[in-house]
Amino acid sequence: MKFKIDNLQYCNWTREVFEINREAGLDAVHVTIVYHEDFNELGDQIKKWEKLFKDNSDLVFLGKDYKDIEKANNEKKNGYFFWFSKLLANRG
């Protein structure tokens, strides 16, 4: 089976963006949730994403491993996988 995955996306996530990704037939989206933010801001972003997942559960869910890509395809949803750019390199 072939899957559609969009990589390293960084934007202002909204239901409209989730709908666009679903209409595009994506199965998974690899999301950069922090870029220049510090460790404390990471916590804020995680809380924001928890609300986005809850409010848009008909379209999206948090992907945790490769099996969730097939799950997303089967459920006609998008699995979102997190990436943390520069966060660990800037600690300390």
PDB file of N, CA and C in Angstrom:
ATOM      1  N   MET A   1       0.838  -1.176   0.000  1.00  0.00           N
ATOM      2  CA  MET A   1       0.000   0.000   0.000  1.00  0.00           C
ATOM      3  C   MET A   1       0.886   1.243   0.000  1.00  0.00           C
ATOM      4  N   LYS A   2       0.486   2.251  -0.744  1.00  0.00           N
ATOM      5  CA  LYS A   2       1.214   3.512  -0.792  1.00  0.00           C
ATOM      6  C   LYS A   2       0.529   4.524   0.120  1.00  0.00           C
ATOM      7  N   PHE A   3       1.357   5.250   0.857  1.00  0.00           N
ATOM      8  CA  PHE A   3       0.840   6.267   1.766  1.00  0.00           C
ATOM      9  C   PHE A   3       1.363   7.631   1.351  1.00  0.00           C
ATOM     10  N   LYS A   4       0.601   8.679   1.678  1.00  0.00           N
ATOM     11  CA  LYS A   4       1.023  10.057   1.426  1.00  0.00           C
ATOM     12  C   LYS A   4       1.411  10.692   2.753  1.00  0.00           C
ATOM     13  N   ILE A   5       2.668  11.172   2.811  1.00  0.00           N
ATOM     14  CA  ILE A   5       3.198  11.778   4.027  1.00  0.00           C
ATOM     15  C   ILE A   5       3.793  13.128   3.672  1.00  0.00           C
ATOM     16  N   ASP A   6       3.428  14.149   4.419  1.00  0.00           N
ATOM     17  CA  ASP A   6       3.985  15.487   4.243  1.00  0.00           C
ATOM     18  C   ASP A   6       4.967  15.719   5.393  1.00  0.00           C
ATOM     19  N   ASN A   7       6.153  16.209   5.074  1.00  0.00           N
ATOM     20  CA  ASN A   7       7.234  16.273   6.059  1.00  0.00           C
ATOM     21  C   ASN A   7       7.543  17.677   6.555  1.00  0.00           C
ATOM     22  N   LEU A   8       7.923  17.739   7.813  1.00  0.00           N
ATOM     23  CA  LEU A   8       8.477  18.931   8.460  1.00  0.00           C
ATOM     24  C   LEU A   8       7.649  20.191   8.246  1.00  0.00           C
ATOM     25  N   GLN A   9       6.387  20.107   8.548  1.00  0.00           N
ATOM     26  CA  GLN A   9       5.493  21.247   8.434  1.00  0.00           C
ATOM     27  C   GLN A   9       5.534  22.085   9.705  1.00  0.00           C
ATOM     28  N   TYR A  10       5.495  23.388   9.530  1.00  0.00           N
ATOM     29  CA  TYR A  10       5.542  24.339  10.644  1.00  0.00           C
ATOM     30  C   TYR A  10       4.617  25.484  10.275  1.00  0.00           C
ATOM     31  N   CYS A  11       3.464  25.563  10.925  1.00  0.00           N
ATOM     32  CA  CYS A  11       2.511  26.616  10.576  1.00  0.00           C
ATOM     33  C   CYS A  11       1.580  26.880  11.752  1.00  0.00           C
ATOM     34  N   ASN A  12       0.630  27.763  11.541  1.00  0.00           N
ATOM     35  CA  ASN A  12      -0.406  28.052  12.533  1.00  0.00           C
ATOM     36  C   ASN A  12      -1.535  27.048  12.306  1.00  0.00           C
ATOM     37  N   TRP A  13      -1.540  25.987  13.078  1.00  0.00           N
ATOM     38  CA  TRP A  13      -2.467  24.877  12.868  1.00  0.00           C
ATOM     39  C   TRP A  13      -3.878  25.256  13.276  1.00  0.00           C
ATOM     40  N   THR A  14      -4.821  24.981  12.386  1.00  0.00           N
ATOM     41  CA  THR A  14      -6.238  25.243  12.607  1.00  0.00           C
ATOM     42  C   THR A  14      -7.039  24.105  11.987  1.00  0.00           C
ATOM     43  N   ARG A  15      -8.295  24.076  12.280  1.00  0.00           N
ATOM     44  CA  ARG A  15      -9.169  23.066  11.667  1.00  0.00           C
ATOM     45  C   ARG A  15      -9.137  23.189  10.144  1.00  0.00           C
ATOM     46  N   GLU A  16      -9.096  24.416   9.640  1.00  0.00           N
ATOM     47  CA  GLU A  16      -9.051  24.621   8.193  1.00  0.00           C
ATOM     48  C   GLU A  16      -7.813  23.946   7.582  1.00  0.00           C
ATOM     49  N   VAL A  17      -6.667  24.073   8.236  1.00  0.00           N
ATOM     50  CA  VAL A  17      -5.449  23.427   7.742  1.00  0.00           C
ATOM     51  C   VAL A  17      -5.614  21.905   7.780  1.00  0.00           C
ATOM     52  N   PHE A  18      -6.199  21.389   8.860  1.00  0.00           N
ATOM     53  CA  PHE A  18      -6.440  19.945   8.948  1.00  0.00           C
ATOM     54  C   PHE A  18      -7.359  19.477   7.816  1.00  0.00           C
ATOM     55  N   GLU A  19      -8.388  20.252   7.512  1.00  0.00           N
ATOM     56  CA  GLU A  19      -9.307  19.893   6.430  1.00  0.00           C
ATOM     57  C   GLU A  19      -8.599  19.898   5.074  1.00  0.00           C
ATOM     58  N   ILE A  20      -7.736  20.876   4.854  1.00  0.00           N
ATOM     59  CA  ILE A  20      -6.974  20.941   3.594  1.00  0.00           C
ATOM     60  C   ILE A  20      -6.093  19.697   3.463  1.00  0.00           C
ATOM     61  N   ASN A  21      -5.418  19.332   4.545  1.00  0.00           N
ATOM     62  CA  ASN A  21      -4.562  18.139   4.502  1.00  0.00           C
ATOM     63  C   ASN A  21      -5.368  16.871   4.253  1.00  0.00           C
ATOM     64  N   ARG A  22      -6.553  16.788   4.840  1.00  0.00           N
ATOM     65  CA  ARG A  22      -7.400  15.610   4.624  1.00  0.00           C
ATOM     66  C   ARG A  22      -7.869  15.562   3.173  1.00  0.00           C
ATOM     67  N   GLU A  23      -8.293  16.718   2.649  1.00  0.00           N
ATOM     68  CA  GLU A  23      -8.750  16.784   1.256  1.00  0.00           C
ATOM     69  C   GLU A  23      -7.630  16.433   0.285  1.00  0.00           C
ATOM     70  N   ALA A  24      -6.391  16.701   0.683  1.00  0.00           N
ATOM     71  CA  ALA A  24      -5.242  16.364  -0.160  1.00  0.00           C
ATOM     72  C   ALA A  24      -4.928  14.873  -0.126  1.00  0.00           C
ATOM     73  N   GLY A  25      -5.629  14.141   0.712  1.00  0.00           N
ATOM     74  CA  GLY A  25      -5.436  12.699   0.780  1.00  0.00           C
ATOM     75  C   GLY A  25      -4.212  12.275   1.575  1.00  0.00           C
ATOM     76  N   LEU A  26      -3.725  13.164   2.438  1.00  0.00           N
ATOM     77  CA  LEU A  26      -2.567  12.802   3.255  1.00  0.00           C
ATOM     78  C   LEU A  26      -2.955  11.770   4.301  1.00  0.00           C
ATOM     79  N   ASP A  27      -2.014  10.910   4.623  1.00  0.00           N
ATOM     80  CA  ASP A  27      -2.207   9.945   5.705  1.00  0.00           C
ATOM     81  C   ASP A  27      -1.487  10.394   6.968  1.00  0.00           C
ATOM     82  N   ALA A  28      -0.339  11.029   6.780  1.00  0.00           N
ATOM     83  CA  ALA A  28       0.460  11.451   7.927  1.00  0.00           C
ATOM     84  C   ALA A  28       1.130  12.788   7.631  1.00  0.00           C
ATOM     85  N   VAL A  29       1.334  13.549   8.705  1.00  0.00           N
ATOM     86  CA  VAL A  29       2.020  14.829   8.605  1.00  0.00           C
ATOM     87  C   VAL A  29       3.086  14.853   9.689  1.00  0.00           C
ATOM     88  N   HIS A  30       4.307  15.122   9.263  1.00  0.00           N
ATOM     89  CA  HIS A  30       5.449  15.214  10.177  1.00  0.00           C
ATOM     90  C   HIS A  30       5.567  16.675  10.562  1.00  0.00           C
ATOM     91  N   VAL A  31       5.281  17.003  11.831  1.00  0.00           N
ATOM     92  CA  VAL A  31       5.115  18.377  12.285  1.00  0.00           C
ATOM     93  C   VAL A  31       6.287  18.827  13.153  1.00  0.00           C
ATOM     94  N   THR A  32       6.823  19.997  12.842  1.00  0.00           N
ATOM     95  CA  THR A  32       7.782  20.641  13.728  1.00  0.00           C
ATOM     96  C   THR A  32       6.967  21.476  14.715  1.00  0.00           C
ATOM     97  N   ILE A  33       6.905  21.050  15.985  1.00  0.00           N
ATOM     98  CA  ILE A  33       6.078  21.803  16.937  1.00  0.00           C
ATOM     99  C   ILE A  33       6.863  22.886  17.664  1.00  0.00           C
ATOM    100  N   VAL A  34       8.175  22.791  17.682  1.00  0.00           N
ATOM    101  CA  VAL A  34       9.011  23.887  18.184  1.00  0.00           C
ATOM    102  C   VAL A  34      10.186  24.047  17.238  1.00  0.00           C
ATOM    103  N   TYR A  35      10.563  25.294  17.029  1.00  0.00           N
ATOM    104  CA  TYR A  35      11.685  25.577  16.131  1.00  0.00           C
ATOM    105  C   TYR A  35      12.738  26.394  16.876  1.00  0.00           C
ATOM    106  N   HIS A  36      12.377  27.628  17.248  1.00  0.00           N
ATOM    107  CA  HIS A  36      13.289  28.468  18.023  1.00  0.00           C
ATOM    108  C   HIS A  36      12.820  28.606  19.471  1.00  0.00           C
ATOM    109  N   GLU A  37      11.742  27.951  19.805  1.00  0.00           N
ATOM    110  CA  GLU A  37      11.186  28.071  21.141  1.00  0.00           C
ATOM    111  C   GLU A  37      12.087  27.379  22.166  1.00  0.00           C
ATOM    112  N   ASP A  38      11.933  27.792  23.420  1.00  0.00           N
ATOM    113  CA  ASP A  38      12.725  27.160  24.484  1.00  0.00           C
ATOM    114  C   ASP A  38      11.930  26.012  25.102  1.00  0.00           C
ATOM    115  N   PHE A  39      12.515  25.374  26.106  1.00  0.00           N
ATOM    116  CA  PHE A  39      11.909  24.195  26.709  1.00  0.00           C
ATOM    117  C   PHE A  39      10.542  24.495  27.322  1.00  0.00           C
ATOM    118  N   ASN A  40      10.396  25.654  27.964  1.00  0.00           N
ATOM    119  CA  ASN A  40       9.110  26.014  28.566  1.00  0.00           C
ATOM    120  C   ASN A  40       8.035  26.215  27.506  1.00  0.00           C
ATOM    121  N   GLU A  41       8.421  26.789  26.386  1.00  0.00           N
ATOM    122  CA  GLU A  41       7.460  26.988  25.303  1.00  0.00           C
ATOM    123  C   GLU A  41       7.039  25.661  24.677  1.00  0.00           C
ATOM    124  N   LEU A  42       7.897  24.661  24.753  1.00  0.00           N
ATOM    125  CA  LEU A  42       7.521  23.322  24.293  1.00  0.00           C
ATOM    126  C   LEU A  42       6.288  22.845  25.054  1.00  0.00           C
ATOM    127  N   GLY A  43       6.278  23.040  26.357  1.00  0.00           N
ATOM    128  CA  GLY A  43       5.109  22.644  27.160  1.00  0.00           C
ATOM    129  C   GLY A  43       3.847  23.337  26.688  1.00  0.00           C
ATOM    130  N   ASP A  44       3.952  24.623  26.368  1.00  0.00           N
ATOM    131  CA  ASP A  44       2.793  25.358  25.851  1.00  0.00           C
ATOM    132  C   ASP A  44       2.315  24.770  24.532  1.00  0.00           C
ATOM    133  N   GLN A  45       3.256  24.418  23.670  1.00  0.00           N
ATOM    134  CA  GLN A  45       2.896  23.839  22.375  1.00  0.00           C
ATOM    135  C   GLN A  45       2.220  22.476  22.544  1.00  0.00           C
ATOM    136  N   ILE A  46       2.714  21.684  23.463  1.00  0.00           N
ATOM    137  CA  ILE A  46       2.091  20.368  23.696  1.00  0.00           C
ATOM    138  C   ILE A  46       0.668  20.542  24.184  1.00  0.00           C
ATOM    139  N   LYS A  47       0.419  21.492  25.077  1.00  0.00           N
ATOM    140  CA  LYS A  47      -0.950  21.766  25.544  1.00  0.00           C
ATOM    141  C   LYS A  47      -1.837  22.227  24.386  1.00  0.00           C
ATOM    142  N   LYS A  48      -1.285  23.077  23.528  1.00  0.00           N
ATOM    143  CA  LYS A  48      -2.044  23.540  22.364  1.00  0.00           C
ATOM    144  C   LYS A  48      -2.434  22.362  21.482  1.00  0.00           C
ATOM    145  N   TRP A  49      -1.480  21.464  21.231  1.00  0.00           N
ATOM    146  CA  TRP A  49      -1.760  20.301  20.384  1.00  0.00           C
ATOM    147  C   TRP A  49      -2.753  19.351  21.039  1.00  0.00           C
ATOM    148  N   GLU A  50      -2.690  19.183  22.349  1.00  0.00           N
ATOM    149  CA  GLU A  50      -3.679  18.335  23.027  1.00  0.00           C
ATOM    150  C   GLU A  50      -5.081  18.849  22.758  1.00  0.00           C
ATOM    151  N   LYS A  51      -5.255  20.169  22.820  1.00  0.00           N
ATOM    152  CA  LYS A  51      -6.571  20.763  22.535  1.00  0.00           C
ATOM    153  C   LYS A  51      -6.942  20.583  21.060  1.00  0.00           C
ATOM    154  N   LEU A  52      -5.979  20.788  20.159  1.00  0.00           N
ATOM    155  CA  LEU A  52      -6.262  20.588  18.737  1.00  0.00           C
ATOM    156  C   LEU A  52      -6.702  19.150  18.455  1.00  0.00           C
ATOM    157  N   PHE A  53      -6.020  18.179  19.054  1.00  0.00           N
ATOM    158  CA  PHE A  53      -6.409  16.778  18.849  1.00  0.00           C
ATOM    159  C   PHE A  53      -7.813  16.514  19.395  1.00  0.00           C
ATOM    160  N   LYS A  54      -8.100  17.058  20.568  1.00  0.00           N
ATOM    161  CA  LYS A  54      -9.416  16.847  21.174  1.00  0.00           C
ATOM    162  C   LYS A  54     -10.520  17.496  20.327  1.00  0.00           C
ATOM    163  N   ASP A  55     -10.301  18.753  19.930  1.00  0.00           N
ATOM    164  CA  ASP A  55     -11.327  19.499  19.201  1.00  0.00           C
ATOM    165  C   ASP A  55     -11.516  19.027  17.760  1.00  0.00           C
ATOM    166  N   ASN A  56     -10.535  18.312  17.219  1.00  0.00           N
ATOM    167  CA  ASN A  56     -10.590  17.890  15.816  1.00  0.00           C
ATOM    168  C   ASN A  56     -10.396  16.384  15.662  1.00  0.00           C
ATOM    169  N   SER A  57     -10.860  15.635  16.630  1.00  0.00           N
ATOM    170  CA  SER A  57     -10.633  14.185  16.647  1.00  0.00           C
ATOM    171  C   SER A  57     -11.278  13.457  15.470  1.00  0.00           C
ATOM    172  N   ASP A  58     -12.204  14.105  14.789  1.00  0.00           N
ATOM    173  CA  ASP A  58     -12.796  13.497  13.598  1.00  0.00           C
ATOM    174  C   ASP A  58     -11.850  13.553  12.392  1.00  0.00           C
ATOM    175  N   LEU A  59     -10.790  14.375  12.495  1.00  0.00           N
ATOM    176  CA  LEU A  59      -9.856  14.556  11.382  1.00  0.00           C
ATOM    177  C   LEU A  59      -8.433  14.118  11.690  1.00  0.00           C
ATOM    178  N   VAL A  60      -8.006  14.239  12.960  1.00  0.00           N
ATOM    179  CA  VAL A  60      -6.584  14.081  13.296  1.00  0.00           C
ATOM    180  C   VAL A  60      -6.387  13.293  14.590  1.00  0.00           C
ATOM    181  N   PHE A  61      -5.185  12.733  14.721  1.00  0.00           N
ATOM    182  CA  PHE A  61      -4.763  12.116  15.975  1.00  0.00           C
ATOM    183  C   PHE A  61      -3.238  12.138  16.032  1.00  0.00           C
ATOM    184  N   LEU A  62      -2.704  11.941  17.236  1.00  0.00           N
ATOM    185  CA  LEU A  62      -1.260  11.916  17.432  1.00  0.00           C
ATOM    186  C   LEU A  62      -0.721  10.566  16.984  1.00  0.00           C
ATOM    187  N   GLY A  63       0.138  10.593  15.987  1.00  0.00           N
ATOM    188  CA  GLY A  63       0.783   9.373  15.527  1.00  0.00           C
ATOM    189  C   GLY A  63       1.980   9.062  16.403  1.00  0.00           C
ATOM    190  N   LYS A  64       2.128   7.795  16.745  1.00  0.00           N
ATOM    191  CA  LYS A  64       3.220   7.410  17.638  1.00  0.00           C
ATOM    192  C   LYS A  64       4.223   6.466  16.993  1.00  0.00           C
ATOM    193  N   ASP A  65       3.796   5.675  16.020  1.00  0.00           N
ATOM    194  CA  ASP A  65       4.728   4.809  15.297  1.00  0.00           C
ATOM    195  C   ASP A  65       4.194   4.558  13.887  1.00  0.00           C
ATOM    196  N   TYR A  66       4.970   3.830  13.105  1.00  0.00           N
ATOM    197  CA  TYR A  66       4.636   3.647  11.689  1.00  0.00           C
ATOM    198  C   TYR A  66       3.271   2.993  11.479  1.00  0.00           C
ATOM    199  N   LYS A  67       2.799   2.212  12.429  1.00  0.00           N
ATOM    200  CA  LYS A  67       1.496   1.551  12.281  1.00  0.00           C
ATOM    201  C   LYS A  67       0.354   2.567  12.240  1.00  0.00           C
ATOM    202  N   ASP A  68       0.578   3.737  12.826  1.00  0.00           N
ATOM    203  CA  ASP A  68      -0.457   4.772  12.831  1.00  0.00           C
ATOM    204  C   ASP A  68      -0.664   5.401  11.461  1.00  0.00           C
ATOM    205  N   ILE A  69       0.275   5.239  10.554  1.00  0.00           N
ATOM    206  CA  ILE A  69       0.077   5.740   9.191  1.00  0.00           C
ATOM    207  C   ILE A  69      -1.007   4.911   8.506  1.00  0.00           C
ATOM    208  N   GLU A  70      -0.952   3.605   8.657  1.00  0.00           N
ATOM    209  CA  GLU A  70      -1.988   2.744   8.088  1.00  0.00           C
ATOM    210  C   GLU A  70      -3.327   2.977   8.791  1.00  0.00           C
ATOM    211  N   LYS A  71      -3.297   3.169  10.106  1.00  0.00           N
ATOM    212  CA  LYS A  71      -4.517   3.477  10.861  1.00  0.00           C
ATOM    213  C   LYS A  71      -5.176   4.741  10.307  1.00  0.00           C
ATOM    214  N   ALA A  72      -4.381   5.775  10.066  1.00  0.00           N
ATOM    215  CA  ALA A  72      -4.913   7.025   9.527  1.00  0.00           C
ATOM    216  C   ALA A  72      -5.560   6.795   8.164  1.00  0.00           C
ATOM    217  N   ASN A  73      -4.899   6.023   7.329  1.00  0.00           N
ATOM    218  CA  ASN A  73      -5.434   5.718   6.010  1.00  0.00           C
ATOM    219  C   ASN A  73      -6.767   4.990   6.124  1.00  0.00           C
ATOM    220  N   ASN A  74      -6.830   4.001   6.984  1.00  0.00           N
ATOM    221  CA  ASN A  74      -8.049   3.212   7.147  1.00  0.00           C
ATOM    222  C   ASN A  74      -9.202   4.032   7.720  1.00  0.00           C
ATOM    223  N   GLU A  75      -8.890   4.962   8.624  1.00  0.00           N
ATOM    224  CA  GLU A  75      -9.925   5.765   9.292  1.00  0.00           C
ATOM    225  C   GLU A  75     -10.228   7.070   8.555  1.00  0.00           C
ATOM    226  N   LYS A  76      -9.532   7.309   7.438  1.00  0.00           N
ATOM    227  CA  LYS A  76      -9.699   8.559   6.676  1.00  0.00           C
ATOM    228  C   LYS A  76      -9.426   9.774   7.555  1.00  0.00           C
ATOM    229  N   LYS A  77      -8.340   9.682   8.313  1.00  0.00           N
ATOM    230  CA  LYS A  77      -7.871  10.774   9.166  1.00  0.00           C
ATOM    231  C   LYS A  77      -6.411  11.029   8.837  1.00  0.00           C
ATOM    232  N   ASN A  78      -5.827  11.989   9.530  1.00  0.00           N
ATOM    233  CA  ASN A  78      -4.396  12.254   9.418  1.00  0.00           C
ATOM    234  C   ASN A  78      -3.741  11.982  10.758  1.00  0.00           C
ATOM    235  N   GLY A  79      -2.658  11.228  10.713  1.00  0.00           N
ATOM    236  CA  GLY A  79      -1.815  11.062  11.888  1.00  0.00           C
ATOM    237  C   GLY A  79      -0.761  12.149  11.880  1.00  0.00           C
ATOM    238  N   TYR A  80      -0.601  12.828  12.998  1.00  0.00           N
ATOM    239  CA  TYR A  80       0.401  13.889  13.113  1.00  0.00           C
ATOM    240  C   TYR A  80       1.525  13.401  14.009  1.00  0.00           C
ATOM    241  N   PHE A  81       2.747  13.480  13.479  1.00  0.00           N
ATOM    242  CA  PHE A  81       3.946  13.011  14.166  1.00  0.00           C
ATOM    243  C   PHE A  81       4.813  14.220  14.495  1.00  0.00           C
ATOM    244  N   PHE A  82       5.277  14.316  15.733  1.00  0.00           N
ATOM    245  CA  PHE A  82       6.002  15.498  16.190  1.00  0.00           C
ATOM    246  C   PHE A  82       7.499  15.430  15.935  1.00  0.00           C
ATOM    247  N   TRP A  83       8.080  16.593  15.672  1.00  0.00           N
ATOM    248  CA  TRP A  83       9.515  16.788  15.520  1.00  0.00           C
ATOM    249  C   TRP A  83       9.895  18.011  16.350  1.00  0.00           C
ATOM    250  N   PHE A  84      11.036  17.937  17.017  1.00  0.00           N
ATOM    251  CA  PHE A  84      11.504  19.015  17.881  1.00  0.00           C
ATOM    252  C   PHE A  84      12.834  19.537  17.338  1.00  0.00           C
ATOM    253  N   SER A  85      12.809  20.572  16.539  1.00  0.00           N
ATOM    254  CA  SER A  85      14.016  21.088  15.916  1.00  0.00           C
ATOM    255  C   SER A  85      14.775  21.992  16.868  1.00  0.00           C
ATOM    256  N   LYS A  86      16.057  21.750  17.004  1.00  0.00           N
ATOM    257  CA  LYS A  86      16.988  22.563  17.775  1.00  0.00           C
ATOM    258  C   LYS A  86      16.740  22.561  19.270  1.00  0.00           C
ATOM    259  N   LEU A  87      15.668  21.990  19.743  1.00  0.00           N
ATOM    260  CA  LEU A  87      15.335  22.058  21.164  1.00  0.00           C
ATOM    261  C   LEU A  87      16.440  21.470  22.021  1.00  0.00           C
ATOM    262  N   LEU A  88      16.852  20.273  21.725  1.00  0.00           N
ATOM    263  CA  LEU A  88      17.859  19.622  22.556  1.00  0.00           C
ATOM    264  C   LEU A  88      19.221  20.269  22.400  1.00  0.00           C
ATOM    265  N   ALA A  89      19.513  20.771  21.214  1.00  0.00           N
ATOM    266  CA  ALA A  89      20.820  21.394  20.983  1.00  0.00           C
ATOM    267  C   ALA A  89      20.962  22.708  21.757  1.00  0.00           C
ATOM    268  N   ASN A  90      19.842  23.365  22.059  1.00  0.00           N
ATOM    269  CA  ASN A  90      19.888  24.643  22.753  1.00  0.00           C
ATOM    270  C   ASN A  90      19.792  24.531  24.261  1.00  0.00           C
ATOM    271  N   ARG A  91      19.643  23.345  24.783  1.00  0.00           N
ATOM    272  CA  ARG A  91      19.579  23.177  26.247  1.00  0.00           C
ATOM    273  C   ARG A  91      20.956  23.422  26.840  1.00  0.00           C
ATOM    274  N   GLY A  92      20.989  24.031  27.974  1.00  0.00           N
ATOM    275  CA  GLY A  92      22.227  24.136  28.715  1.00  0.00           C
ATOM    276  C   GLY A  92      23.001  25.337  28.398  1.00  0.00           C
TER     277      GLY A  92
END
